[in-house]
Amino acid sequence: MPASDVSIVAFGRPERDDAQSHVLSAAAALGAATRLVTSAEGEDFSSMDHGSIDWRRALDGAHWLVTSASTAIEGETARFAWGAGMTFGELEGSRTVMIADLPKDSSRLAECWGAVIERIRQVHVLFIEPAALGPISQLEGVDQSGLLREIRLRGLVPHVCTLDGQREALVEHALGSVRAPAGPLSSSHEWLAAFICALPSSGPGREGVERAARAAGKVDSPSV
């Protein structure tokens, strides 16, 4: 399945300045069909009318719903929409990709990470941004080197991944661990976009995860 056959929906800010929009842009540059679900024109994202989103229509045929931890603390109604998207994703067959990022206000990290933990069983791919590894490991009381595996075991998340300082992708999954070169991509969001574009057609088991991770590392940096 080429990237052009992959459909990705993101829920995030209309300014497209958040992590999920960066992933969406990178996926579009690879040829994926993409769509941003956000607040209506002229509406404040933090107080949006979350009930106006037709999630069934938005997620029709989508492989992935991408969002981020920090979106959960954008406002009460934005958080309602954030959760509703994941719930409808389960019903419609769209799998959730959660980006564990750092909020602008670092004092609220525990709050936004806690929101992810509450929904962890709805997450299919959890990507922890490299800058968030240390702070989240401190919150969890787990050594950073074992954080991905511990989260996967506790939350039963099918894929927990990140990029390390050596430009390698690390993926923990139900059948073990994968370490693969991240390649020439210039950002973690570009790697994640390439990974989720490759994953639907990479095949089952450990070999499938490794194929997707290695394929992501071979993608040239797209112009976004």
C-alpha atoms as a PDB file:
ATOM      1  CA  MET A   1       0.000   0.000   0.000  1.00  0.00           C
ATOM      2  CA  PRO A   2       1.645   3.267  -1.080  1.00  0.00           C
ATOM      3  CA  ALA A   3       1.287   6.390   1.051  1.00  0.00           C
ATOM      4  CA  SER A   4      -1.260   7.671  -1.465  1.00  0.00           C
ATOM      5  CA  ASP A   5      -3.648   4.935  -0.278  1.00  0.00           C
ATOM      6  CA  VAL A   6      -3.356   5.962   3.375  1.00  0.00           C
ATOM      7  CA  SER A   7      -5.924   8.344   4.863  1.00  0.00           C
ATOM      8  CA  ILE A   8      -5.049  10.383   7.958  1.00  0.00           C
ATOM      9  CA  VAL A   9      -7.244  12.715  10.009  1.00  0.00           C
ATOM     10  CA  ALA A  10      -5.853  15.010  12.692  1.00  0.00           C
ATOM     11  CA  PHE A  11      -7.651  16.901  15.434  1.00  0.00           C
ATOM     12  CA  GLY A  12      -5.925  20.106  16.430  1.00  0.00           C
ATOM     13  CA  ARG A  13      -5.710  23.857  16.347  1.00  0.00           C
ATOM     14  CA  PRO A  14      -6.889  25.791  13.269  1.00  0.00           C
ATOM     15  CA  GLU A  15      -3.539  27.609  13.141  1.00  0.00           C
ATOM     16  CA  ARG A  16      -1.904  24.258  12.275  1.00  0.00           C
ATOM     17  CA  ASP A  17       0.941  25.038  14.655  1.00  0.00           C
ATOM     18  CA  ASP A  18       0.714  21.906  16.804  1.00  0.00           C
ATOM     19  CA  ALA A  19       2.478  18.551  16.588  1.00  0.00           C
ATOM     20  CA  GLN A  20      -0.391  16.733  14.884  1.00  0.00           C
ATOM     21  CA  SER A  21      -0.572  19.321  12.110  1.00  0.00           C
ATOM     22  CA  HIS A  22       3.163  18.948  11.517  1.00  0.00           C
ATOM     23  CA  VAL A  23       2.634  15.190  11.156  1.00  0.00           C
ATOM     24  CA  LEU A  24      -0.344  15.811   8.874  1.00  0.00           C
ATOM     25  CA  SER A  25       1.676  18.132   6.634  1.00  0.00           C
ATOM     26  CA  ALA A  26       4.534  15.638   6.406  1.00  0.00           C
ATOM     27  CA  ALA A  27       2.115  12.815   5.555  1.00  0.00           C
ATOM     28  CA  ALA A  28       0.489  14.951   2.852  1.00  0.00           C
ATOM     29  CA  ALA A  29       3.932  15.609   1.367  1.00  0.00           C
ATOM     30  CA  LEU A  30       4.397  11.829   1.160  1.00  0.00           C
ATOM     31  CA  GLY A  31       1.132  11.532  -0.771  1.00  0.00           C
ATOM     32  CA  ALA A  32      -1.313  10.523   1.967  1.00  0.00           C
ATOM     33  CA  ALA A  33      -4.875  11.828   1.959  1.00  0.00           C
ATOM     34  CA  THR A  34      -5.150  14.164   4.937  1.00  0.00           C
ATOM     35  CA  ARG A  35      -7.758  16.227   6.726  1.00  0.00           C
ATOM     36  CA  LEU A  36      -7.674  18.513   9.758  1.00  0.00           C
ATOM     37  CA  VAL A  37     -10.684  18.537  12.079  1.00  0.00           C
ATOM     38  CA  THR A  38     -10.759  21.730  14.118  1.00  0.00           C
ATOM     39  CA  SER A  39     -12.976  24.550  15.324  1.00  0.00           C
ATOM     40  CA  ALA A  40     -15.210  26.426  12.910  1.00  0.00           C
ATOM     41  CA  GLU A  41     -13.986  29.600  11.238  1.00  0.00           C
ATOM     42  CA  GLY A  42     -14.097  32.491  13.695  1.00  0.00           C
ATOM     43  CA  GLU A  43     -14.598  30.145  16.645  1.00  0.00           C
ATOM     44  CA  ASP A  44     -12.153  29.918  19.529  1.00  0.00           C
ATOM     45  CA  PHE A  45     -10.628  26.443  19.675  1.00  0.00           C
ATOM     46  CA  SER A  46     -10.690  26.282  23.475  1.00  0.00           C
ATOM     47  CA  SER A  47     -14.448  26.931  23.604  1.00  0.00           C
ATOM     48  CA  MET A  48     -15.455  25.326  20.317  1.00  0.00           C
ATOM     49  CA  ASP A  49     -18.839  23.713  19.746  1.00  0.00           C
ATOM     50  CA  HIS A  50     -17.584  20.143  20.011  1.00  0.00           C
ATOM     51  CA  GLY A  51     -21.048  18.753  19.330  1.00  0.00           C
ATOM     52  CA  SER A  52     -20.999  20.187  15.819  1.00  0.00           C
ATOM     53  CA  ILE A  53     -18.254  17.786  14.683  1.00  0.00           C
ATOM     54  CA  ASP A  54     -19.601  14.890  12.643  1.00  0.00           C
ATOM     55  CA  TRP A  55     -16.954  12.366  13.634  1.00  0.00           C
ATOM     56  CA  ARG A  56     -18.453   9.525  11.618  1.00  0.00           C
ATOM     57  CA  ARG A  57     -18.182  11.585   8.466  1.00  0.00           C
ATOM     58  CA  ALA A  58     -14.766  12.979   9.376  1.00  0.00           C
ATOM     59  CA  LEU A  59     -13.293   9.529  10.017  1.00  0.00           C
ATOM     60  CA  ASP A  60     -14.980   7.708   7.149  1.00  0.00           C
ATOM     61  CA  GLY A  61     -12.302   5.547   5.535  1.00  0.00           C
ATOM     62  CA  ALA A  62      -9.476   6.977   7.664  1.00  0.00           C
ATOM     63  CA  HIS A  63      -6.663   4.684   8.760  1.00  0.00           C
ATOM     64  CA  TRP A  64      -5.450   7.026  11.487  1.00  0.00           C
ATOM     65  CA  LEU A  65      -6.645   9.770  13.817  1.00  0.00           C
ATOM     66  CA  VAL A  66      -3.667  11.822  15.006  1.00  0.00           C
ATOM     67  CA  THR A  67      -3.782  14.123  18.019  1.00  0.00           C
ATOM     68  CA  SER A  68      -1.577  15.191  20.920  1.00  0.00           C
ATOM     69  CA  ALA A  69      -1.464  15.194  24.694  1.00  0.00           C
ATOM     70  CA  SER A  70      -1.297  18.979  24.928  1.00  0.00           C
ATOM     71  CA  THR A  71      -4.561  19.308  22.985  1.00  0.00           C
ATOM     72  CA  ALA A  72      -6.351  17.814  25.992  1.00  0.00           C
ATOM     73  CA  ILE A  73      -5.626  20.940  28.040  1.00  0.00           C
ATOM     74  CA  GLU A  74      -6.607  23.495  25.394  1.00  0.00           C
ATOM     75  CA  GLY A  75     -10.012  23.928  27.019  1.00  0.00           C
ATOM     76  CA  GLU A  76     -12.914  21.876  28.323  1.00  0.00           C
ATOM     77  CA  THR A  77     -14.844  21.653  25.065  1.00  0.00           C
ATOM     78  CA  ALA A  78     -11.699  20.970  23.036  1.00  0.00           C
ATOM     79  CA  ARG A  79     -10.996  18.098  25.427  1.00  0.00           C
ATOM     80  CA  PHE A  80     -14.518  16.750  24.914  1.00  0.00           C
ATOM     81  CA  ALA A  81     -13.904  16.737  21.155  1.00  0.00           C
ATOM     82  CA  TRP A  82     -10.456  15.177  21.681  1.00  0.00           C
ATOM     83  CA  GLY A  83     -12.000  12.267  23.575  1.00  0.00           C
ATOM     84  CA  ALA A  84     -14.998  11.911  21.273  1.00  0.00           C
ATOM     85  CA  GLY A  85     -12.715  11.591  18.264  1.00  0.00           C
ATOM     86  CA  MET A  86     -10.931   8.618  19.812  1.00  0.00           C
ATOM     87  CA  THR A  87     -14.195   6.967  20.803  1.00  0.00           C
ATOM     88  CA  PHE A  88     -15.667   7.332  17.326  1.00  0.00           C
ATOM     89  CA  GLY A  89     -12.357   6.182  15.893  1.00  0.00           C
ATOM     90  CA  GLU A  90     -12.779   2.874  17.715  1.00  0.00           C
ATOM     91  CA  LEU A  91     -16.280   2.507  16.293  1.00  0.00           C
ATOM     92  CA  GLU A  92     -15.306   3.501  12.750  1.00  0.00           C
ATOM     93  CA  GLY A  93     -12.092   1.475  12.576  1.00  0.00           C
ATOM     94  CA  SER A  94      -9.690   4.435  12.652  1.00  0.00           C
ATOM     95  CA  ARG A  95      -6.745   3.897  14.968  1.00  0.00           C
ATOM     96  CA  THR A  96      -5.494   6.660  17.233  1.00  0.00           C
ATOM     97  CA  VAL A  97      -1.958   8.014  17.052  1.00  0.00           C
ATOM     98  CA  MET A  98      -1.202   9.983  20.218  1.00  0.00           C
ATOM     99  CA  ILE A  99       1.759  12.354  20.346  1.00  0.00           C
ATOM    100  CA  ALA A 100       2.999  12.812  23.901  1.00  0.00           C
ATOM    101  CA  ASP A 101       4.372  16.334  23.676  1.00  0.00           C
ATOM    102  CA  LEU A 102       5.291  19.010  26.196  1.00  0.00           C
ATOM    103  CA  PRO A 103       2.682  21.690  26.920  1.00  0.00           C
ATOM    104  CA  LYS A 104       3.704  25.324  26.603  1.00  0.00           C
ATOM    105  CA  ASP A 105       3.159  25.631  30.350  1.00  0.00           C
ATOM    106  CA  SER A 106       5.482  22.954  31.721  1.00  0.00           C
ATOM    107  CA  SER A 107       3.675  22.990  35.066  1.00  0.00           C
ATOM    108  CA  ARG A 108       0.703  21.332  33.318  1.00  0.00           C
ATOM    109  CA  LEU A 109       2.613  18.304  32.050  1.00  0.00           C
ATOM    110  CA  ALA A 110       1.139  16.015  34.706  1.00  0.00           C
ATOM    111  CA  GLU A 111      -2.346  17.176  33.705  1.00  0.00           C
ATOM    112  CA  CYS A 112      -1.977  16.497  29.988  1.00  0.00           C
ATOM    113  CA  TRP A 113      -0.085  13.232  30.517  1.00  0.00           C
ATOM    114  CA  GLY A 114      -2.810  12.161  32.940  1.00  0.00           C
ATOM    115  CA  ALA A 115      -5.394  12.795  30.216  1.00  0.00           C
ATOM    116  CA  VAL A 116      -3.481  10.432  27.933  1.00  0.00           C
ATOM    117  CA  ILE A 117      -3.309   7.753  30.625  1.00  0.00           C
ATOM    118  CA  GLU A 118      -7.093   7.965  31.043  1.00  0.00           C
ATOM    119  CA  ARG A 119      -7.473   7.145  27.329  1.00  0.00           C
ATOM    120  CA  ILE A 120      -4.445   4.887  26.921  1.00  0.00           C
ATOM    121  CA  ARG A 121      -6.459   1.800  25.927  1.00  0.00           C
ATOM    122  CA  GLN A 122      -7.808   3.722  22.927  1.00  0.00           C
ATOM    123  CA  VAL A 123      -4.329   4.511  21.617  1.00  0.00           C
ATOM    124  CA  HIS A 124      -2.759   2.317  18.926  1.00  0.00           C
ATOM    125  CA  VAL A 125       0.484   4.247  18.384  1.00  0.00           C
ATOM    126  CA  LEU A 126       1.929   6.354  21.199  1.00  0.00           C
ATOM    127  CA  PHE A 127       4.790   8.550  20.039  1.00  0.00           C
ATOM    128  CA  ILE A 128       6.725  10.250  22.831  1.00  0.00           C
ATOM    129  CA  GLU A 129       8.525  13.322  21.592  1.00  0.00           C
ATOM    130  CA  PRO A 130      12.246  13.154  22.426  1.00  0.00           C
ATOM    131  CA  ALA A 131      12.035  16.281  24.604  1.00  0.00           C
ATOM    132  CA  ALA A 132       9.232  14.689  26.639  1.00  0.00           C
ATOM    133  CA  LEU A 133      11.063  11.448  27.458  1.00  0.00           C
ATOM    134  CA  GLY A 134      12.867  12.783  30.520  1.00  0.00           C
ATOM    135  CA  PRO A 135       9.940  14.666  32.083  1.00  0.00           C
ATOM    136  CA  ILE A 136       7.512  11.777  31.533  1.00  0.00           C
ATOM    137  CA  SER A 137       9.968   9.238  32.934  1.00  0.00           C
ATOM    138  CA  GLN A 138      10.187  11.386  36.071  1.00  0.00           C
ATOM    139  CA  LEU A 139       6.399  11.503  36.356  1.00  0.00           C
ATOM    140  CA  GLU A 140       6.195   7.737  35.966  1.00  0.00           C
ATOM    141  CA  GLY A 141       9.107   7.030  38.280  1.00  0.00           C
ATOM    142  CA  VAL A 142      10.749   4.896  35.606  1.00  0.00           C
ATOM    143  CA  ASP A 143      14.261   5.096  34.200  1.00  0.00           C
ATOM    144  CA  GLN A 144      14.202   6.769  30.794  1.00  0.00           C
ATOM    145  CA  SER A 145      15.801   3.741  29.121  1.00  0.00           C
ATOM    146  CA  GLY A 146      12.888   1.543  30.169  1.00  0.00           C
ATOM    147  CA  LEU A 147      10.058   4.047  29.783  1.00  0.00           C
ATOM    148  CA  LEU A 148       8.685   2.881  26.427  1.00  0.00           C
ATOM    149  CA  ARG A 149       8.535  -0.754  27.467  1.00  0.00           C
ATOM    150  CA  GLU A 150       6.947   0.062  30.825  1.00  0.00           C
ATOM    151  CA  ILE A 151       4.229   2.208  29.225  1.00  0.00           C
ATOM    152  CA  ARG A 152       3.499  -0.462  26.645  1.00  0.00           C
ATOM    153  CA  LEU A 153       3.159  -3.121  29.330  1.00  0.00           C
ATOM    154  CA  ARG A 154       1.050  -0.991  31.673  1.00  0.00           C
ATOM    155  CA  GLY A 155      -1.220   0.440  29.000  1.00  0.00           C
ATOM    156  CA  LEU A 156      -1.217  -2.475  26.541  1.00  0.00           C
ATOM    157  CA  VAL A 157      -0.482   0.007  23.764  1.00  0.00           C
ATOM    158  CA  PRO A 158       0.328  -1.877  20.537  1.00  0.00           C
ATOM    159  CA  HIS A 159       3.150   0.510  19.563  1.00  0.00           C
ATOM    160  CA  VAL A 160       5.104   2.920  21.767  1.00  0.00           C
ATOM    161  CA  CYS A 161       7.871   4.770  19.971  1.00  0.00           C
ATOM    162  CA  THR A 162      10.289   7.691  19.938  1.00  0.00           C
ATOM    163  CA  LEU A 163      13.547   8.867  18.389  1.00  0.00           C
ATOM    164  CA  ASP A 164      16.677   8.826  20.514  1.00  0.00           C
ATOM    165  CA  GLY A 165      19.641  11.165  20.491  1.00  0.00           C
ATOM    166  CA  GLN A 166      21.533   8.918  18.092  1.00  0.00           C
ATOM    167  CA  ARG A 167      18.952   9.420  15.329  1.00  0.00           C
ATOM    168  CA  GLU A 168      17.515   5.975  15.837  1.00  0.00           C
ATOM    169  CA  ALA A 169      13.858   5.065  16.025  1.00  0.00           C
ATOM    170  CA  LEU A 170      12.835   2.933  18.990  1.00  0.00           C
ATOM    171  CA  VAL A 171       9.566   1.000  18.835  1.00  0.00           C
ATOM    172  CA  GLU A 172       8.223  -1.183  21.631  1.00  0.00           C
ATOM    173  CA  HIS A 173       5.449  -3.549  20.590  1.00  0.00           C
ATOM    174  CA  ALA A 174       3.720  -6.697  21.787  1.00  0.00           C
ATOM    175  CA  LEU A 175       6.343  -9.034  20.317  1.00  0.00           C
ATOM    176  CA  GLY A 176       9.458  -7.169  21.369  1.00  0.00           C
ATOM    177  CA  SER A 177      11.538  -4.139  20.481  1.00  0.00           C
ATOM    178  CA  VAL A 178      12.689  -2.603  17.220  1.00  0.00           C
ATOM    179  CA  ARG A 179      15.592  -0.221  16.766  1.00  0.00           C
ATOM    180  CA  ALA A 180      16.097   1.239  13.298  1.00  0.00           C
ATOM    181  CA  PRO A 181      17.955   4.194  11.770  1.00  0.00           C
ATOM    182  CA  ALA A 182      15.777   7.296  11.596  1.00  0.00           C
ATOM    183  CA  GLY A 183      17.460   8.283   8.353  1.00  0.00           C
ATOM    184  CA  PRO A 184      17.610  11.723   6.738  1.00  0.00           C
ATOM    185  CA  LEU A 185      14.291  13.059   8.001  1.00  0.00           C
ATOM    186  CA  SER A 186      14.768  16.393   9.706  1.00  0.00           C
ATOM    187  CA  SER A 187      12.186  16.069  12.482  1.00  0.00           C
ATOM    188  CA  SER A 188      10.514  13.497  14.693  1.00  0.00           C
ATOM    189  CA  HIS A 189       7.140  14.476  13.214  1.00  0.00           C
ATOM    190  CA  GLU A 190       8.345  13.606   9.717  1.00  0.00           C
ATOM    191  CA  TRP A 191       9.532  10.203  10.936  1.00  0.00           C
ATOM    192  CA  LEU A 192       6.184   9.542  12.614  1.00  0.00           C
ATOM    193  CA  ALA A 193       4.317  10.522   9.442  1.00  0.00           C
ATOM    194  CA  ALA A 194       6.434   8.133   7.379  1.00  0.00           C
ATOM    195  CA  PHE A 195       5.998   5.360   9.967  1.00  0.00           C
ATOM    196  CA  ILE A 196       2.197   5.512  10.033  1.00  0.00           C
ATOM    197  CA  CYS A 197       2.094   5.746   6.241  1.00  0.00           C
ATOM    198  CA  ALA A 198       4.129   2.522   6.058  1.00  0.00           C
ATOM    199  CA  LEU A 199       2.550   0.577   8.932  1.00  0.00           C
ATOM    200  CA  PRO A 200      -0.810  -0.404   7.327  1.00  0.00           C
ATOM    201  CA  SER A 201       0.949  -2.326   4.544  1.00  0.00           C
ATOM    202  CA  SER A 202       4.026  -3.569   6.407  1.00  0.00           C
ATOM    203  CA  GLY A 203       2.566  -6.928   7.380  1.00  0.00           C
ATOM    204  CA  PRO A 204       1.974  -8.603  10.753  1.00  0.00           C
ATOM    205  CA  GLY A 205       4.224  -9.315  13.696  1.00  0.00           C
ATOM    206  CA  ARG A 206       7.668  -8.107  14.634  1.00  0.00           C
ATOM    207  CA  GLU A 207       8.815  -8.220  11.023  1.00  0.00           C
ATOM    208  CA  GLY A 208       6.004  -5.908   9.971  1.00  0.00           C
ATOM    209  CA  VAL A 209       6.835  -3.320  12.635  1.00  0.00           C
ATOM    210  CA  GLU A 210      10.508  -3.476  11.701  1.00  0.00           C
ATOM    211  CA  ARG A 211       9.698  -3.067   8.006  1.00  0.00           C
ATOM    212  CA  ALA A 212       7.613   0.029   8.756  1.00  0.00           C
ATOM    213  CA  ALA A 213      10.294   1.541  11.009  1.00  0.00           C
ATOM    214  CA  ARG A 214      13.034   0.906   8.454  1.00  0.00           C
ATOM    215  CA  ALA A 215      10.875   2.203   5.607  1.00  0.00           C
ATOM    216  CA  ALA A 216      10.274   5.414   7.569  1.00  0.00           C
ATOM    217  CA  GLY A 217      14.019   5.853   7.989  1.00  0.00           C
ATOM    218  CA  LYS A 218      14.598   5.585   4.252  1.00  0.00           C
ATOM    219  CA  VAL A 219      12.186   8.360   3.305  1.00  0.00           C
ATOM    220  CA  ASP A 220      13.808  11.577   2.145  1.00  0.00           C
ATOM    221  CA  SER A 221      12.849  14.680   4.079  1.00  0.00           C
ATOM    222  CA  PRO A 222       9.703  16.070   2.403  1.00  0.00           C
ATOM    223  CA  SER A 223       9.189  19.730   1.667  1.00  0.00           C
ATOM    224  CA  VAL A 224       6.412  20.878   3.998  1.00  0.00           C
END
